[in-house]
Amino acid sequence: MVATTDITTADGAVRGLWGKRVSRWRSIPFAAPPVGELRFRAPQPVQPWTGVRDATHFGFAAMQHRRGAQIGPRQQQPTGEDCLTLNVTAPNKPAATARPVMVFIHGGGYLLGTSALRLYSGSRLALLGDVIVVSVNYRLGAFGYVDFSEYSTPAHRFDNNLGLRDQVAALEWVRDNIAAFGGDPGNVTIFGESAGAHAVLALMATPAAAGLFHRAISQSPPADWGPSQADAALFARRCVEQLGAGAGDGAQALLTATPNRIRSAVDHAVSAVMRDQPGLFPVAPQVDGDYLPLPIIDAFAGGSAHRVPLIIGTNRDEGTLFSRFDDTLPTTPERMRRLLRQVGGDAETRVLGAYPGFPKPRVAVRAGGDFTFWRPSVEVMSGHSRYAPTYAYRYDFAPRALQLAGFGATHALDLIPVFGATATPFGRALSAAGGQRAFNSVSEQFQRNWLSFARTGAPLAAWPAYTEDERATMIIDSPQRVEFDPERAKRLAWQGIRVPALA
């Protein structure tokens, strides 16, 4: 018989799984299902329920290609529009005071991913740090990050920035309910990786999120993603054209087409943009002058981002994963040159001169990863350090098997040590050729710094704050070290370069 535990939230009671050391509640709704008349609308309040709601299993992942909702070797989570749920993991041991809360936002390019991935439960993090871990679903792709507001009618409004609004609604749920699970609503850290890291920065630049979190961790953010109003409208028109609808019947098509038909149309439109304009990603929070008033980098540079402590960093070899499995980044010599020519000016000469050996493929891969993740992260850490405590890192460690395979410290590898999964079967497999002890040590570095930050607003004492004068950067490796202004020549070469506008 499965042991369960009940908690009463503001919307009703939920029944979770009682484990030996932690309890888990799965797929608790934080907003009404965005279906029917609520498709393409801002999240609406949950309808309270009577009795006890089952929260022992996962519901739907957000609409996406089925490969993105894979949660096991042969297991895929069903997808659907009714996806606005979150999960809570809490230690069973009684606590004298309310526990810090860590809210994780998954990545996947705003097109893929699910909070149901076993890694994201955060059990090891919760136990090591005596914290509450929350993982969040939000609308993806067509349903979360395409601005169809131009197709609004008197009978039906289409809202924008839906995925970002979902994340704000989830944080409001945490504020109103996490105390029932033993968490402290006055000590909330948001953290995420890749698109989830971008979401962390977007939330910091979103006025509606003020006061809902108190610290932030951004792991490998493509920080200057975010179409302008004009680009968002142009891309939405291309998506409607892919649906086979004209300007006059766009609203009807968006409301009546099947979810998979809409998803497929937007996926095709995304692929066309990334094929023609390397480095540009059109599916992201829109800079609308209202809900997201400014481009993210501008918000940090000008001090309008929420002035909470921030950890931000990237992996040394971000681009290698994409060069093997995904052609979305400018990780070939030809795509990098095309990108820099679209930027214009002396960008091509200046940047490629900072990468000796270009156009060797491995050098192009490094440049493509740096362009997408490191370049804009440096701008964020520089801007934010003027107004709030900021801590920069670079993740360098890779087990020997990944080094031999040419991946190195690639994109998303940091998730394994952050969630303490180096000793799982998958973590051990990565260390089969050697490096298990070092991988475990790196995991401990990661977790203890992240947990110290969640509890106090600062990592451990060996990690100095980032300033524009010194640019102290923690190199997470075995052993760890601090470098000052690492890769300075490359940083200066990228300075001022942004993602081009949609053509």
Protein backbone atom coordinates (compact mmCIF):
# COMPACT_ATOMS: atom_id res chain seq x y z
CA MET A 1 0.00 0.00 0.00
CA VAL A 2 1.34 3.46 -0.96
CA ALA A 3 1.72 5.88 1.96
CA THR A 4 0.15 9.27 1.37
CA THR A 5 -0.03 12.65 3.04
CA ASP A 6 -2.65 15.39 2.77
CA ILE A 7 -2.09 19.15 2.75
CA THR A 8 -4.76 21.83 2.59
CA THR A 9 -4.08 24.64 0.10
CA ALA A 10 -6.08 27.79 -0.55
CA ASP A 11 -7.96 25.94 -3.31
CA GLY A 12 -8.55 22.64 -1.53
CA ALA A 13 -6.80 19.61 -0.06
CA VAL A 14 -4.19 17.66 -2.05
CA ARG A 15 -2.92 14.14 -1.40
CA GLY A 16 0.75 13.45 -2.06
CA LEU A 17 3.19 10.58 -1.69
CA TRP A 18 4.82 10.03 1.70
CA GLY A 19 8.33 8.62 1.29
CA LYS A 20 11.02 7.50 3.67
CA ARG A 21 12.70 10.90 3.81
CA VAL A 22 10.72 13.23 1.54
CA SER A 23 7.13 13.72 0.48
CA ARG A 24 6.07 14.70 -3.04
CA TRP A 25 2.96 16.31 -4.43
CA ARG A 26 2.58 16.14 -8.20
CA SER A 27 0.64 18.25 -10.71
CA ILE A 28 -1.06 20.62 -8.29
CA PRO A 29 -2.96 23.19 -10.38
CA PHE A 30 -1.87 26.81 -9.93
CA ALA A 31 -4.25 28.20 -12.59
CA ALA A 32 -7.39 27.12 -14.39
CA PRO A 33 -6.89 24.80 -17.39
CA PRO A 34 -6.23 27.11 -20.39
CA VAL A 35 -8.61 25.24 -22.68
CA GLY A 36 -11.64 26.18 -24.75
CA GLU A 37 -12.40 29.86 -24.28
CA LEU A 38 -9.25 30.21 -22.15
CA ARG A 39 -6.91 29.15 -24.97
CA PHE A 40 -4.40 31.99 -25.56
CA ARG A 41 -5.67 33.84 -22.48
CA ALA A 42 -3.71 34.94 -19.43
CA PRO A 43 -3.86 32.37 -16.60
CA GLN A 44 -7.11 32.47 -14.64
CA PRO A 45 -7.71 31.48 -10.99
CA VAL A 46 -8.14 27.84 -10.05
CA GLN A 47 -11.71 26.75 -9.37
CA PRO A 48 -11.63 25.52 -5.74
CA TRP A 49 -12.58 21.90 -5.16
CA THR A 50 -14.15 19.90 -2.35
CA GLY A 51 -12.76 16.69 -0.96
CA VAL A 52 -9.12 15.67 -1.46
CA ARG A 53 -7.48 16.02 -4.88
CA ASP A 54 -5.09 13.25 -5.91
CA ALA A 55 -1.56 14.63 -6.34
CA THR A 56 0.27 11.30 -6.40
CA HIS A 57 0.81 11.18 -10.16
CA PHE A 58 1.67 13.56 -12.98
CA GLY A 59 -0.92 15.02 -15.31
CA PHE A 60 -0.13 16.55 -18.68
CA ALA A 61 3.07 18.10 -19.91
CA ALA A 62 2.64 21.28 -21.96
CA MET A 63 1.85 20.88 -25.66
CA GLN A 64 5.05 20.01 -27.54
CA HIS A 65 6.61 17.44 -29.82
CA ARG A 66 6.43 14.12 -28.03
CA ARG A 67 10.22 13.76 -27.84
CA GLY A 68 10.33 16.71 -25.45
CA ALA A 69 8.06 15.03 -22.91
CA GLN A 70 10.21 11.91 -22.54
CA ILE A 71 10.65 11.23 -18.84
CA GLY A 72 12.31 7.83 -19.02
CA PRO A 73 14.09 5.50 -21.46
CA ARG A 74 10.75 4.22 -22.76
CA GLN A 75 8.35 6.55 -21.04
CA GLN A 76 6.72 9.70 -22.36
CA GLN A 77 4.41 11.95 -20.43
CA PRO A 78 1.14 12.70 -22.21
CA THR A 79 0.87 16.28 -23.47
CA GLY A 80 -2.12 18.61 -23.46
CA GLU A 81 -3.28 22.17 -23.00
CA ASP A 82 -4.36 21.42 -19.40
CA CYS A 83 -0.81 21.70 -18.10
CA LEU A 84 -0.66 24.57 -15.60
CA THR A 85 0.53 22.57 -12.61
CA LEU A 86 3.49 22.40 -10.27
CA ASN A 87 5.17 19.83 -8.04
CA VAL A 88 6.39 20.12 -4.45
CA THR A 89 9.11 18.09 -2.72
CA ALA A 90 9.55 18.56 1.04
CA PRO A 91 11.68 16.82 3.69
CA ASN A 92 9.65 14.78 6.18
CA LYS A 93 11.83 15.68 9.15
CA PRO A 94 10.13 18.36 11.30
CA ALA A 95 11.71 21.81 11.11
CA ALA A 96 11.87 24.43 13.84
CA THR A 97 11.38 27.25 11.32
CA ALA A 98 9.94 27.59 7.85
CA ARG A 99 12.24 26.24 5.16
CA PRO A 100 13.74 28.21 2.25
CA VAL A 101 11.96 27.55 -1.04
CA MET A 102 13.67 26.84 -4.37
CA VAL A 103 11.47 27.08 -7.47
CA PHE A 104 12.91 25.39 -10.56
CA ILE A 105 11.96 26.40 -14.12
CA HIS A 106 12.87 23.77 -16.71
CA GLY A 107 14.56 24.47 -20.03
CA GLY A 108 13.91 23.23 -23.54
CA GLY A 109 14.07 26.29 -25.74
CA TYR A 110 10.53 27.35 -24.78
CA LEU A 111 9.41 24.51 -27.06
CA LEU A 112 10.13 21.34 -25.09
CA GLY A 113 10.40 20.03 -21.54
CA THR A 114 8.42 19.07 -18.48
CA SER A 115 8.67 19.44 -14.72
CA ALA A 116 7.94 15.71 -14.41
CA LEU A 117 11.49 14.74 -15.34
CA ARG A 118 12.72 12.69 -12.40
CA LEU A 119 15.89 14.76 -12.06
CA TYR A 120 13.83 17.87 -11.33
CA SER A 121 12.08 16.47 -8.24
CA GLY A 122 14.95 17.87 -6.22
CA SER A 123 14.89 15.21 -3.51
CA ARG A 124 18.65 15.26 -2.90
CA LEU A 125 18.74 19.05 -2.90
CA ALA A 126 15.82 19.19 -0.47
CA LEU A 127 17.45 16.75 1.94
CA LEU A 128 20.97 18.19 1.80
CA GLY A 129 19.82 21.77 2.28
CA ASP A 130 16.61 21.26 4.27
CA VAL A 131 14.67 23.23 1.65
CA ILE A 132 11.39 22.93 -0.22
CA VAL A 133 11.81 22.34 -3.98
CA VAL A 134 9.04 23.34 -6.38
CA SER A 135 9.13 22.55 -10.11
CA VAL A 136 6.80 24.31 -12.53
CA ASN A 137 5.06 23.63 -15.83
CA TYR A 138 4.22 26.52 -18.14
CA ARG A 139 2.80 26.84 -21.63
CA LEU A 140 5.35 26.29 -24.39
CA GLY A 141 5.79 27.16 -28.04
CA ALA A 142 2.62 28.13 -29.86
CA PHE A 143 0.56 28.28 -26.67
CA GLY A 144 3.01 30.20 -24.49
CA TYR A 145 5.38 32.31 -26.55
CA VAL A 146 3.76 33.47 -29.78
CA ASP A 147 1.99 36.83 -29.65
CA PHE A 148 -1.35 36.32 -31.39
CA SER A 149 -2.86 39.48 -29.87
CA GLU A 150 -3.23 41.01 -33.34
CA TYR A 151 -6.00 38.46 -33.98
CA SER A 152 -8.11 39.53 -31.00
CA THR A 153 -11.81 40.11 -31.72
CA PRO A 154 -14.62 41.68 -29.69
CA ALA A 155 -15.67 38.15 -28.76
CA HIS A 156 -12.23 36.77 -27.87
CA ARG A 157 -9.04 38.43 -26.72
CA PHE A 158 -5.66 36.86 -27.34
CA ASP A 159 -3.18 37.74 -24.60
CA ASN A 160 0.59 37.79 -25.01
CA ASN A 161 3.53 36.54 -22.94
CA LEU A 162 1.46 33.62 -21.75
CA GLY A 163 4.33 31.41 -20.59
CA LEU A 164 5.81 34.29 -18.61
CA ARG A 165 2.41 35.06 -17.11
CA ASP A 166 2.09 31.38 -16.17
CA GLN A 167 5.37 31.55 -14.27
CA VAL A 168 4.19 34.63 -12.39
CA ALA A 169 0.95 32.81 -11.51
CA ALA A 170 2.97 29.85 -10.24
CA LEU A 171 5.02 32.16 -8.01
CA GLU A 172 1.81 33.71 -6.71
CA TRP A 173 0.65 30.19 -5.80
CA VAL A 174 3.94 29.66 -3.94
CA ARG A 175 3.44 32.92 -2.05
CA ASP A 176 -0.08 31.94 -1.03
CA ASN A 177 0.36 28.22 -0.33
CA ILE A 178 3.92 27.13 0.35
CA ALA A 179 3.67 27.74 4.10
CA ALA A 180 1.25 24.80 4.28
CA PHE A 181 4.11 22.58 3.06
CA GLY A 182 6.56 24.04 5.59
CA GLY A 183 8.11 26.62 3.26
CA ASP A 184 8.91 30.27 3.87
CA PRO A 185 7.11 32.53 1.35
CA GLY A 186 9.49 35.29 2.39
CA ASN A 187 12.55 33.34 1.22
CA VAL A 188 12.01 32.12 -2.33
CA THR A 189 14.82 31.46 -4.82
CA ILE A 190 13.98 30.95 -8.48
CA PHE A 191 16.45 28.94 -10.54
CA GLY A 192 16.46 27.54 -14.03
CA GLU A 193 18.65 26.28 -16.86
CA SER A 194 18.76 27.29 -20.54
CA ALA A 195 15.28 28.62 -21.45
CA GLY A 196 14.49 28.23 -17.75
CA ALA A 197 17.50 30.43 -17.00
CA HIS A 198 16.21 32.95 -19.52
CA ALA A 199 12.83 32.78 -17.75
CA VAL A 200 14.56 33.64 -14.47
CA LEU A 201 15.99 36.80 -16.04
CA ALA A 202 12.67 37.62 -17.71
CA LEU A 203 10.94 37.38 -14.35
CA MET A 204 13.54 39.73 -12.90
CA ALA A 205 12.61 42.21 -15.65
CA THR A 206 8.82 41.75 -15.20
CA PRO A 207 7.10 44.28 -12.92
CA ALA A 208 4.28 41.83 -12.09
CA ALA A 209 6.81 39.49 -10.46
CA ALA A 210 7.95 42.07 -7.89
CA GLY A 211 8.15 40.62 -4.39
CA LEU A 212 7.40 37.05 -5.47
CA PHE A 213 11.03 35.89 -5.16
CA HIS A 214 14.06 37.06 -3.23
CA ARG A 215 17.04 35.49 -4.99
CA ALA A 216 17.69 34.18 -8.49
CA ILE A 217 20.01 31.66 -10.17
CA SER A 218 20.37 31.63 -13.96
CA GLN A 219 22.27 28.67 -15.47
CA SER A 220 23.22 29.15 -19.14
CA PRO A 221 20.70 31.81 -20.15
CA PRO A 222 20.39 32.93 -23.79
CA ALA A 223 19.81 36.29 -22.19
CA ASP A 224 18.99 38.47 -25.18
CA TRP A 225 16.28 36.27 -26.63
CA GLY A 226 13.04 38.22 -26.84
CA PRO A 227 11.40 39.58 -29.98
CA SER A 228 10.32 43.19 -30.25
CA GLN A 229 6.64 43.95 -30.74
CA ALA A 230 7.18 44.28 -34.48
CA ASP A 231 9.11 41.01 -34.75
CA ALA A 232 6.59 39.18 -32.55
CA ALA A 233 3.71 40.34 -34.75
CA LEU A 234 5.55 39.38 -37.94
CA PHE A 235 6.33 35.93 -36.60
CA ALA A 236 2.72 35.40 -35.47
CA ARG A 237 1.54 36.16 -39.00
CA ARG A 238 3.92 33.53 -40.36
CA CYS A 239 2.51 31.02 -37.87
CA VAL A 240 -1.07 31.77 -38.93
CA GLU A 241 -0.03 31.36 -42.56
CA GLN A 242 1.41 27.96 -41.67
CA LEU A 243 -2.04 27.10 -40.29
CA GLY A 244 -3.43 27.87 -43.72
CA ALA A 245 -5.46 30.84 -42.51
CA GLY A 246 -5.62 34.36 -43.88
CA ALA A 247 -5.67 37.58 -41.91
CA GLY A 248 -9.46 37.61 -41.79
CA ASP A 249 -9.92 34.10 -40.39
CA GLY A 250 -6.84 33.86 -38.16
CA ALA A 251 -8.83 34.06 -34.93
CA GLN A 252 -11.15 31.26 -35.98
CA ALA A 253 -8.25 29.04 -36.99
CA LEU A 254 -6.44 29.64 -33.68
CA LEU A 255 -9.54 28.82 -31.66
CA THR A 256 -10.71 25.76 -33.58
CA ALA A 257 -7.56 24.02 -34.83
CA THR A 258 -6.42 21.01 -32.86
CA PRO A 259 -3.57 21.60 -30.40
CA ASN A 260 -1.20 19.44 -32.43
CA ARG A 261 -2.06 21.28 -35.64
CA ILE A 262 -1.19 24.62 -34.01
CA ARG A 263 1.97 23.20 -32.45
CA SER A 264 3.13 21.77 -35.76
CA ALA A 265 2.49 25.03 -37.62
CA VAL A 266 4.54 27.04 -35.13
CA ASP A 267 7.34 24.46 -35.06
CA HIS A 268 7.62 24.77 -38.85
CA ALA A 269 7.71 28.57 -38.62
CA VAL A 270 10.43 28.39 -35.94
CA SER A 271 12.53 26.04 -38.05
CA ALA A 272 12.31 28.38 -41.05
CA VAL A 273 13.52 31.36 -39.01
CA MET A 274 16.43 29.50 -37.48
CA ARG A 275 17.44 28.12 -40.87
CA ASP A 276 17.47 31.56 -42.49
CA GLN A 277 18.75 33.63 -39.54
CA PRO A 278 21.28 31.75 -37.41
CA GLY A 279 21.23 32.89 -33.81
CA LEU A 280 17.68 34.27 -33.86
CA PHE A 281 15.06 32.46 -31.78
CA PRO A 282 11.56 33.92 -32.18
CA VAL A 283 9.73 31.91 -29.51
CA ALA A 284 10.46 33.72 -26.24
CA PRO A 285 8.91 36.40 -24.00
CA GLN A 286 7.95 39.40 -26.11
CA VAL A 287 9.17 42.89 -25.30
CA ASP A 288 5.75 44.55 -25.37
CA GLY A 289 6.45 47.76 -23.45
CA ASP A 290 3.95 46.69 -20.80
CA TYR A 291 4.12 43.24 -19.23
CA LEU A 292 7.78 42.96 -20.26
CA PRO A 293 8.62 46.63 -20.71
CA LEU A 294 12.26 46.43 -21.89
CA PRO A 295 14.66 44.01 -23.51
CA ILE A 296 16.14 41.94 -20.71
CA ILE A 297 19.70 43.18 -21.12
CA ASP A 298 18.48 46.80 -21.14
CA ALA A 299 16.50 46.22 -17.94
CA PHE A 300 19.62 44.97 -16.18
CA ALA A 301 21.84 47.69 -17.60
CA GLY A 302 19.47 50.42 -16.46
CA GLY A 303 18.68 49.01 -13.03
CA SER A 304 14.97 48.38 -13.59
CA ALA A 305 15.34 44.61 -13.07
CA HIS A 306 14.37 43.49 -9.58
CA ARG A 307 17.39 44.13 -7.38
CA VAL A 308 17.72 40.72 -5.79
CA PRO A 309 20.96 38.74 -5.42
CA LEU A 310 21.82 36.82 -8.60
CA ILE A 311 24.05 33.88 -9.51
CA ILE A 312 24.61 33.66 -13.26
CA GLY A 313 26.94 31.62 -15.42
CA THR A 314 27.50 29.32 -18.36
CA ASN A 315 29.27 26.10 -19.25
CA ARG A 316 32.65 26.16 -20.97
CA ASP A 317 31.54 24.01 -23.93
CA GLU A 318 27.93 25.08 -24.42
CA GLY A 319 27.88 24.57 -28.18
CA THR A 320 29.04 20.95 -28.45
CA LEU A 321 25.64 19.44 -27.61
CA PHE A 322 23.94 21.45 -30.34
CA SER A 323 26.58 20.73 -32.94
CA ARG A 324 25.88 17.00 -32.57
CA PHE A 325 22.11 16.88 -32.17
CA ASP A 326 20.59 20.20 -33.16
CA ASP A 327 21.37 22.74 -35.88
CA THR A 328 19.61 25.68 -34.24
CA LEU A 329 22.75 27.50 -33.07
CA PRO A 330 25.42 29.16 -35.25
CA THR A 331 27.92 26.37 -34.53
CA THR A 332 29.33 25.93 -38.06
CA PRO A 333 31.74 28.32 -39.79
CA GLU A 334 29.16 29.14 -42.45
CA ARG A 335 26.35 29.88 -39.98
CA MET A 336 28.60 31.97 -37.74
CA ARG A 337 29.73 34.07 -40.69
CA ARG A 338 26.11 34.56 -41.82
CA LEU A 339 25.15 35.69 -38.34
CA LEU A 340 27.97 38.21 -38.04
CA ARG A 341 27.28 39.60 -41.51
CA GLN A 342 23.66 40.15 -40.47
CA VAL A 343 24.92 42.01 -37.39
CA GLY A 344 26.92 44.23 -39.74
CA GLY A 345 29.70 46.72 -39.14
CA ASP A 346 33.05 45.21 -38.18
CA ALA A 347 31.45 42.34 -36.22
CA GLU A 348 32.79 39.59 -38.46
CA THR A 349 36.39 40.80 -38.38
CA ARG A 350 36.33 41.69 -34.70
CA VAL A 351 34.76 38.49 -33.40
CA LEU A 352 36.49 35.95 -35.61
CA GLY A 353 39.82 37.61 -34.84
CA ALA A 354 39.25 36.69 -31.19
CA TYR A 355 38.90 32.99 -32.05
CA PRO A 356 42.29 31.78 -33.34
CA GLY A 357 41.88 28.75 -35.56
CA PHE A 358 38.55 29.77 -37.05
CA PRO A 359 37.12 28.30 -39.33
CA LYS A 360 38.10 24.98 -37.77
CA PRO A 361 34.83 23.25 -36.80
CA ARG A 362 35.66 22.97 -33.11
CA VAL A 363 36.43 26.70 -32.97
CA ALA A 364 33.13 27.53 -34.67
CA VAL A 365 31.32 25.37 -32.12
CA ARG A 366 32.94 27.30 -29.27
CA ALA A 367 32.06 30.64 -30.90
CA GLY A 368 28.44 29.59 -31.46
CA GLY A 369 28.02 28.54 -27.85
CA ASP A 370 29.66 31.74 -26.63
CA PHE A 371 27.42 33.88 -28.82
CA THR A 372 24.24 32.26 -27.59
CA PHE A 373 24.93 31.91 -23.88
CA TRP A 374 28.13 33.51 -22.59
CA ARG A 375 28.08 36.80 -24.54
CA PRO A 376 24.66 38.00 -23.26
CA SER A 377 25.27 36.59 -19.77
CA VAL A 378 28.29 38.85 -19.40
CA GLU A 379 26.09 41.84 -20.20
CA VAL A 380 23.57 40.79 -17.55
CA MET A 381 26.15 40.19 -14.83
CA SER A 382 27.87 43.48 -15.65
CA GLY A 383 24.63 45.45 -15.50
CA HIS A 384 23.18 43.80 -12.41
CA SER A 385 26.42 44.10 -10.44
CA ARG A 386 25.90 47.87 -10.38
CA TYR A 387 22.69 47.51 -8.38
CA ALA A 388 22.63 44.20 -6.47
CA PRO A 389 24.93 41.38 -5.32
CA THR A 390 25.97 39.35 -8.36
CA TYR A 391 28.00 36.14 -8.52
CA ALA A 392 29.41 34.81 -11.79
CA TYR A 393 30.59 31.31 -12.62
CA ARG A 394 31.80 29.12 -15.46
CA TYR A 395 31.28 25.37 -15.30
CA ASP A 396 34.36 23.56 -16.64
CA PHE A 397 34.23 20.01 -15.32
CA ALA A 398 33.41 17.04 -17.54
CA PRO A 399 33.92 13.35 -16.76
CA ARG A 400 36.55 11.68 -18.93
CA ALA A 401 33.97 9.92 -21.12
CA LEU A 402 32.49 13.24 -22.18
CA GLN A 403 35.94 14.65 -22.85
CA LEU A 404 36.85 11.68 -25.03
CA ALA A 405 33.55 12.01 -26.90
CA GLY A 406 34.29 15.65 -27.66
CA PHE A 407 31.45 17.08 -25.57
CA GLY A 408 33.40 18.48 -22.64
CA ALA A 409 31.41 20.63 -20.21
CA THR A 410 28.51 20.87 -22.59
CA HIS A 411 25.11 22.53 -22.33
CA ALA A 412 22.85 21.12 -19.57
CA LEU A 413 25.59 18.95 -18.03
CA ASP A 414 25.48 21.19 -14.95
CA LEU A 415 21.97 19.93 -14.12
CA ILE A 416 23.38 16.59 -13.00
CA PRO A 417 25.64 17.95 -10.23
CA VAL A 418 23.17 20.69 -9.26
CA PHE A 419 20.50 18.10 -8.52
CA GLY A 420 22.99 15.71 -6.92
CA ALA A 421 22.56 13.01 -9.57
CA THR A 422 26.22 12.09 -10.10
CA ALA A 423 25.72 8.82 -8.19
CA THR A 424 22.60 7.76 -10.12
CA PRO A 425 22.96 5.11 -12.85
CA PHE A 426 23.10 7.86 -15.50
CA GLY A 427 25.66 9.88 -13.54
CA ARG A 428 27.81 6.79 -13.00
CA ALA A 429 27.58 5.95 -16.70
CA LEU A 430 29.04 9.36 -17.55
CA SER A 431 31.94 8.58 -15.22
CA ALA A 432 32.48 5.01 -16.44
CA ALA A 433 35.79 6.01 -18.03
CA GLY A 434 36.94 7.74 -14.85
CA GLY A 435 36.27 10.84 -12.81
CA GLN A 436 33.48 9.65 -10.50
CA ARG A 437 35.10 11.00 -7.34
CA ALA A 438 35.77 14.37 -8.95
CA PHE A 439 32.21 14.49 -10.35
CA ASN A 440 30.84 13.89 -6.86
CA SER A 441 33.08 16.64 -5.48
CA VAL A 442 31.89 19.09 -8.15
CA SER A 443 28.30 18.18 -7.30
CA GLU A 444 28.92 18.98 -3.66
CA GLN A 445 30.43 22.37 -4.65
CA PHE A 446 27.41 23.17 -6.75
CA GLN A 447 24.82 22.13 -4.22
CA ARG A 448 26.43 23.75 -1.20
CA ASN A 449 26.86 27.05 -3.03
CA TRP A 450 23.30 26.97 -4.38
CA LEU A 451 21.89 26.08 -0.96
CA SER A 452 23.94 28.72 0.85
CA PHE A 453 22.65 31.25 -1.65
CA ALA A 454 19.05 30.12 -1.18
CA ARG A 455 19.35 30.41 2.57
CA THR A 456 21.43 33.59 2.94
CA GLY A 457 21.57 35.38 -0.42
CA ALA A 458 25.29 34.61 -0.90
CA PRO A 459 27.24 31.50 -1.94
CA LEU A 460 30.03 30.14 0.25
CA ALA A 461 32.74 32.58 1.35
CA ALA A 462 35.33 31.43 -1.22
CA TRP A 463 33.20 32.87 -4.03
CA PRO A 464 33.70 36.65 -4.38
CA ALA A 465 31.04 38.94 -5.81
CA TYR A 466 31.30 40.06 -9.42
CA THR A 467 32.15 43.68 -10.16
CA GLU A 468 32.91 45.40 -13.44
CA ASP A 469 36.35 46.35 -12.11
CA GLU A 470 37.53 42.81 -11.31
CA ARG A 471 34.99 40.46 -12.95
CA ALA A 472 35.66 37.68 -10.44
CA THR A 473 34.33 34.39 -11.79
CA MET A 474 34.13 31.09 -9.94
CA ILE A 475 35.42 28.27 -12.17
CA ILE A 476 33.48 25.21 -11.04
CA ASP A 477 35.93 22.36 -11.64
CA SER A 478 38.00 19.85 -9.72
CA PRO A 479 39.51 21.72 -7.98
CA GLN A 480 37.54 24.95 -8.16
CA ARG A 481 39.29 28.29 -8.58
CA VAL A 482 38.51 31.98 -9.09
CA GLU A 483 39.56 33.76 -12.28
CA PHE A 484 39.36 37.47 -12.96
CA ASP A 485 37.92 38.55 -16.32
CA PRO A 486 38.34 35.15 -17.99
CA GLU A 487 38.52 35.22 -21.81
CA ARG A 488 38.90 39.00 -21.79
CA ALA A 489 39.74 39.31 -25.49
CA LYS A 490 36.62 37.40 -26.46
CA ARG A 491 34.48 39.42 -24.06
CA LEU A 492 35.64 42.67 -25.64
CA ALA A 493 35.12 41.30 -29.16
CA TRP A 494 31.49 40.42 -28.41
CA GLN A 495 30.76 43.69 -26.61
CA GLY A 496 27.71 45.46 -27.98
CA ILE A 497 26.69 42.65 -30.36
CA ARG A 498 23.04 41.63 -30.17
CA VAL A 499 20.77 39.14 -31.91
CA PRO A 500 19.60 40.69 -35.24
CA ALA A 501 15.96 41.55 -35.84
CA LEU A 502 13.66 39.22 -37.73
CA ALA A 503 14.03 39.70 -41.48
